[in-house]
Amino acid sequence: MKFSLKDTPSKQGTETKSIDFIDPNTAELANYKAAFKAMSKALPLLSEGKLETRITDWDEYGDLSPTLAQFNRFTDLLDAYIRDME
């Protein structure tokens, strides 16, 4: 993201400087999108009965890592339950 800072007017007019600005919300949003993308890939496979599906890099999503770990734990329990029913 870039934004402009205006300097004081000079003889030639107003000068504008552009500086880079890293918005921490942008990184957080990218992290959330990546986590939901991982779930979006896993859920259709699970719904097809492929219960061995897991999110393998669950620990790489910062604040969402515990949620993805619980997603995998739930899938483990579901898989075990279905296997016991057979």
N, C-alpha and C. Protein backbone atom coordinates (compact mmCIF):
# COMPACT_ATOMS: atom_id res chain seq x y z
N MET A 1 0.85 -1.16 0.00
CA MET A 1 0.00 0.00 0.00
C MET A 1 0.90 1.23 0.00
N LYS A 2 0.54 2.23 -0.73
CA LYS A 2 1.30 3.47 -0.76
C LYS A 2 0.38 4.61 -0.42
N PHE A 3 0.95 5.59 0.24
CA PHE A 3 0.21 6.81 0.45
C PHE A 3 1.17 7.96 0.29
N SER A 4 0.64 9.14 0.13
CA SER A 4 1.47 10.31 -0.17
C SER A 4 1.54 11.26 1.01
N LEU A 5 2.68 11.85 1.17
CA LEU A 5 2.87 12.93 2.14
C LEU A 5 3.24 14.17 1.36
N LYS A 6 2.55 15.25 1.62
CA LYS A 6 2.85 16.49 0.90
C LYS A 6 3.85 17.30 1.69
N ASP A 7 4.87 17.76 0.99
CA ASP A 7 5.85 18.65 1.59
C ASP A 7 5.30 20.07 1.59
N THR A 8 6.05 20.93 2.22
CA THR A 8 5.65 22.33 2.17
C THR A 8 5.82 22.84 0.74
N PRO A 9 5.01 23.76 0.32
CA PRO A 9 5.12 24.27 -1.05
C PRO A 9 6.50 24.84 -1.33
N SER A 10 7.01 24.53 -2.49
CA SER A 10 8.30 25.07 -2.91
C SER A 10 8.07 26.10 -3.99
N LYS A 11 9.14 26.65 -4.49
CA LYS A 11 9.02 27.65 -5.57
C LYS A 11 8.40 27.04 -6.82
N GLN A 12 8.63 25.72 -7.03
CA GLN A 12 8.13 25.07 -8.23
C GLN A 12 6.74 24.48 -8.02
N GLY A 13 6.18 24.57 -6.84
CA GLY A 13 4.86 24.00 -6.57
C GLY A 13 4.94 23.01 -5.41
N THR A 14 3.91 22.30 -5.21
CA THR A 14 3.87 21.34 -4.11
C THR A 14 4.52 20.03 -4.55
N GLU A 15 5.46 19.55 -3.76
CA GLU A 15 6.13 18.29 -4.05
C GLU A 15 5.42 17.18 -3.28
N THR A 16 5.35 16.02 -3.87
CA THR A 16 4.72 14.88 -3.23
C THR A 16 5.72 13.75 -3.11
N LYS A 17 5.84 13.21 -1.93
CA LYS A 17 6.70 12.05 -1.72
C LYS A 17 5.82 10.83 -1.54
N SER A 18 6.23 9.71 -2.08
CA SER A 18 5.51 8.45 -1.92
C SER A 18 6.37 7.52 -1.09
N ILE A 19 5.78 6.94 -0.05
CA ILE A 19 6.51 6.00 0.78
C ILE A 19 5.73 4.70 0.87
N ASP A 20 6.44 3.60 1.09
CA ASP A 20 5.78 2.31 1.26
C ASP A 20 5.27 2.19 2.68
N PHE A 21 4.12 1.61 2.83
CA PHE A 21 3.51 1.43 4.13
C PHE A 21 2.99 0.01 4.21
N ILE A 22 3.43 -0.75 5.20
CA ILE A 22 2.96 -2.12 5.38
C ILE A 22 1.83 -2.12 6.38
N ASP A 23 0.68 -2.49 5.93
CA ASP A 23 -0.50 -2.53 6.77
C ASP A 23 -0.58 -3.90 7.42
N PRO A 24 -0.51 -3.98 8.76
CA PRO A 24 -0.58 -5.30 9.41
C PRO A 24 -1.89 -6.02 9.14
N ASN A 25 -2.96 -5.28 8.87
CA ASN A 25 -4.24 -5.92 8.57
C ASN A 25 -4.19 -6.68 7.25
N THR A 26 -3.35 -6.23 6.33
CA THR A 26 -3.21 -6.91 5.05
C THR A 26 -2.60 -8.29 5.26
N ALA A 27 -1.58 -8.39 6.11
CA ALA A 27 -0.96 -9.68 6.41
C ALA A 27 -1.96 -10.59 7.12
N GLU A 28 -2.72 -10.05 8.05
CA GLU A 28 -3.71 -10.84 8.77
C GLU A 28 -4.79 -11.34 7.82
N LEU A 29 -5.23 -10.49 6.93
CA LEU A 29 -6.25 -10.89 5.95
C LEU A 29 -5.72 -11.99 5.04
N ALA A 30 -4.48 -11.87 4.61
CA ALA A 30 -3.87 -12.91 3.77
C ALA A 30 -3.80 -14.22 4.51
N ASN A 31 -3.51 -14.18 5.81
CA ASN A 31 -3.46 -15.38 6.63
C ASN A 31 -4.84 -16.04 6.72
N TYR A 32 -5.86 -15.24 6.95
CA TYR A 32 -7.22 -15.77 7.02
C TYR A 32 -7.64 -16.38 5.68
N LYS A 33 -7.32 -15.69 4.59
CA LYS A 33 -7.67 -16.22 3.27
C LYS A 33 -6.97 -17.55 3.01
N ALA A 34 -5.71 -17.65 3.40
CA ALA A 34 -4.96 -18.89 3.19
C ALA A 34 -5.56 -20.03 4.02
N ALA A 35 -5.95 -19.74 5.25
CA ALA A 35 -6.55 -20.77 6.11
C ALA A 35 -7.88 -21.25 5.54
N PHE A 36 -8.70 -20.32 5.09
CA PHE A 36 -9.99 -20.72 4.52
C PHE A 36 -9.81 -21.43 3.19
N LYS A 37 -8.77 -21.10 2.46
CA LYS A 37 -8.48 -21.81 1.22
C LYS A 37 -8.12 -23.27 1.53
N ALA A 38 -7.34 -23.49 2.58
CA ALA A 38 -6.99 -24.86 2.98
C ALA A 38 -8.24 -25.64 3.37
N MET A 39 -9.14 -24.99 4.11
CA MET A 39 -10.39 -25.67 4.48
C MET A 39 -11.26 -25.91 3.25
N SER A 40 -11.25 -24.96 2.32
CA SER A 40 -12.05 -25.11 1.10
C SER A 40 -11.59 -26.29 0.25
N LYS A 41 -10.31 -26.62 0.34
CA LYS A 41 -9.80 -27.79 -0.38
C LYS A 41 -10.15 -29.08 0.35
N ALA A 42 -10.12 -29.05 1.67
CA ALA A 42 -10.35 -30.26 2.47
C ALA A 42 -11.83 -30.65 2.53
N LEU A 43 -12.70 -29.71 2.69
CA LEU A 43 -14.12 -30.02 2.90
C LEU A 43 -14.78 -30.78 1.75
N PRO A 44 -14.55 -30.41 0.48
CA PRO A 44 -15.17 -31.20 -0.59
C PRO A 44 -14.68 -32.65 -0.59
N LEU A 45 -13.42 -32.87 -0.27
CA LEU A 45 -12.89 -34.23 -0.21
C LEU A 45 -13.55 -35.02 0.92
N LEU A 46 -13.71 -34.37 2.06
CA LEU A 46 -14.39 -35.03 3.18
C LEU A 46 -15.84 -35.36 2.83
N SER A 47 -16.49 -34.46 2.14
CA SER A 47 -17.89 -34.71 1.78
C SER A 47 -18.03 -35.83 0.76
N GLU A 48 -16.94 -36.15 0.05
CA GLU A 48 -16.94 -37.28 -0.88
C GLU A 48 -16.61 -38.59 -0.16
N GLY A 49 -16.39 -38.51 1.14
CA GLY A 49 -16.09 -39.72 1.91
C GLY A 49 -14.60 -40.01 2.07
N LYS A 50 -13.75 -39.11 1.64
CA LYS A 50 -12.30 -39.29 1.79
C LYS A 50 -11.89 -38.80 3.17
N LEU A 51 -12.17 -39.63 4.18
CA LEU A 51 -12.00 -39.22 5.56
C LEU A 51 -10.54 -39.20 6.02
N GLU A 52 -9.62 -39.59 5.15
CA GLU A 52 -8.21 -39.49 5.50
C GLU A 52 -7.67 -38.08 5.24
N THR A 53 -8.50 -37.20 4.70
CA THR A 53 -8.10 -35.83 4.38
C THR A 53 -7.82 -35.05 5.66
N ARG A 54 -6.68 -34.35 5.66
CA ARG A 54 -6.31 -33.48 6.78
C ARG A 54 -5.68 -32.22 6.22
N ILE A 55 -5.64 -31.19 7.02
CA ILE A 55 -4.89 -29.98 6.70
C ILE A 55 -3.51 -30.19 7.30
N THR A 56 -2.52 -30.44 6.45
CA THR A 56 -1.20 -30.87 6.93
C THR A 56 -0.35 -29.73 7.48
N ASP A 57 -0.54 -28.53 6.99
CA ASP A 57 0.28 -27.41 7.46
C ASP A 57 -0.51 -26.50 8.41
N TRP A 58 -1.32 -27.11 9.25
CA TRP A 58 -2.21 -26.38 10.15
C TRP A 58 -1.46 -25.44 11.09
N ASP A 59 -0.21 -25.72 11.38
CA ASP A 59 0.54 -24.91 12.34
C ASP A 59 1.18 -23.67 11.72
N GLU A 60 0.89 -23.39 10.48
CA GLU A 60 1.48 -22.25 9.79
C GLU A 60 0.50 -21.09 9.59
N TYR A 61 -0.59 -21.08 10.34
CA TYR A 61 -1.63 -20.07 10.13
C TYR A 61 -1.82 -19.14 11.32
N GLY A 62 -0.78 -18.98 12.11
CA GLY A 62 -0.84 -18.02 13.21
C GLY A 62 -1.99 -18.26 14.16
N ASP A 63 -2.80 -17.23 14.37
CA ASP A 63 -3.92 -17.30 15.30
C ASP A 63 -4.96 -18.34 14.92
N LEU A 64 -4.99 -18.73 13.65
CA LEU A 64 -5.97 -19.72 13.20
C LEU A 64 -5.48 -21.15 13.35
N SER A 65 -4.24 -21.34 13.73
CA SER A 65 -3.68 -22.70 13.87
C SER A 65 -4.47 -23.57 14.85
N PRO A 66 -4.85 -23.06 16.03
CA PRO A 66 -5.65 -23.90 16.93
C PRO A 66 -6.98 -24.34 16.32
N THR A 67 -7.60 -23.46 15.56
CA THR A 67 -8.87 -23.81 14.91
C THR A 67 -8.67 -24.91 13.88
N LEU A 68 -7.60 -24.79 13.09
CA LEU A 68 -7.33 -25.82 12.09
C LEU A 68 -6.91 -27.13 12.73
N ALA A 69 -6.23 -27.07 13.86
CA ALA A 69 -5.89 -28.29 14.60
C ALA A 69 -7.17 -28.97 15.10
N GLN A 70 -8.13 -28.18 15.57
CA GLN A 70 -9.41 -28.75 16.01
C GLN A 70 -10.19 -29.31 14.83
N PHE A 71 -10.09 -28.69 13.69
CA PHE A 71 -10.71 -29.22 12.46
C PHE A 71 -10.16 -30.62 12.19
N ASN A 72 -8.84 -30.76 12.26
CA ASN A 72 -8.22 -32.08 12.05
C ASN A 72 -8.62 -33.06 13.13
N ARG A 73 -8.71 -32.61 14.37
CA ARG A 73 -9.11 -33.49 15.47
C ARG A 73 -10.53 -33.99 15.26
N PHE A 74 -11.42 -33.09 14.85
CA PHE A 74 -12.79 -33.50 14.56
C PHE A 74 -12.82 -34.53 13.44
N THR A 75 -12.01 -34.31 12.42
CA THR A 75 -11.95 -35.25 11.30
C THR A 75 -11.41 -36.61 11.76
N ASP A 76 -10.43 -36.60 12.66
CA ASP A 76 -9.92 -37.85 13.24
C ASP A 76 -11.04 -38.61 13.96
N LEU A 77 -11.81 -37.90 14.77
CA LEU A 77 -12.90 -38.54 15.52
C LEU A 77 -13.98 -39.06 14.59
N LEU A 78 -14.31 -38.29 13.57
CA LEU A 78 -15.31 -38.71 12.60
C LEU A 78 -14.84 -39.98 11.86
N ASP A 79 -13.59 -39.98 11.45
CA ASP A 79 -13.01 -41.13 10.75
C ASP A 79 -13.05 -42.37 11.64
N ALA A 80 -12.66 -42.21 12.90
CA ALA A 80 -12.67 -43.33 13.83
C ALA A 80 -14.09 -43.85 14.06
N TYR A 81 -15.03 -42.94 14.20
CA TYR A 81 -16.42 -43.33 14.41
C TYR A 81 -16.96 -44.13 13.22
N ILE A 82 -16.70 -43.64 12.03
CA ILE A 82 -17.17 -44.33 10.81
C ILE A 82 -16.53 -45.70 10.71
N ARG A 83 -15.24 -45.80 10.99
CA ARG A 83 -14.53 -47.10 10.92
C ARG A 83 -15.11 -48.08 11.93
N ASP A 84 -15.46 -47.60 13.12
CA ASP A 84 -16.05 -48.48 14.14
C ASP A 84 -17.44 -48.95 13.74
N MET A 85 -18.14 -48.17 12.93
CA MET A 85 -19.49 -48.56 12.49
C MET A 85 -19.43 -49.71 11.47
N GLU A 86 -18.30 -49.85 10.78
CA GLU A 86 -18.20 -50.87 9.72
C GLU A 86 -18.04 -52.22 10.28
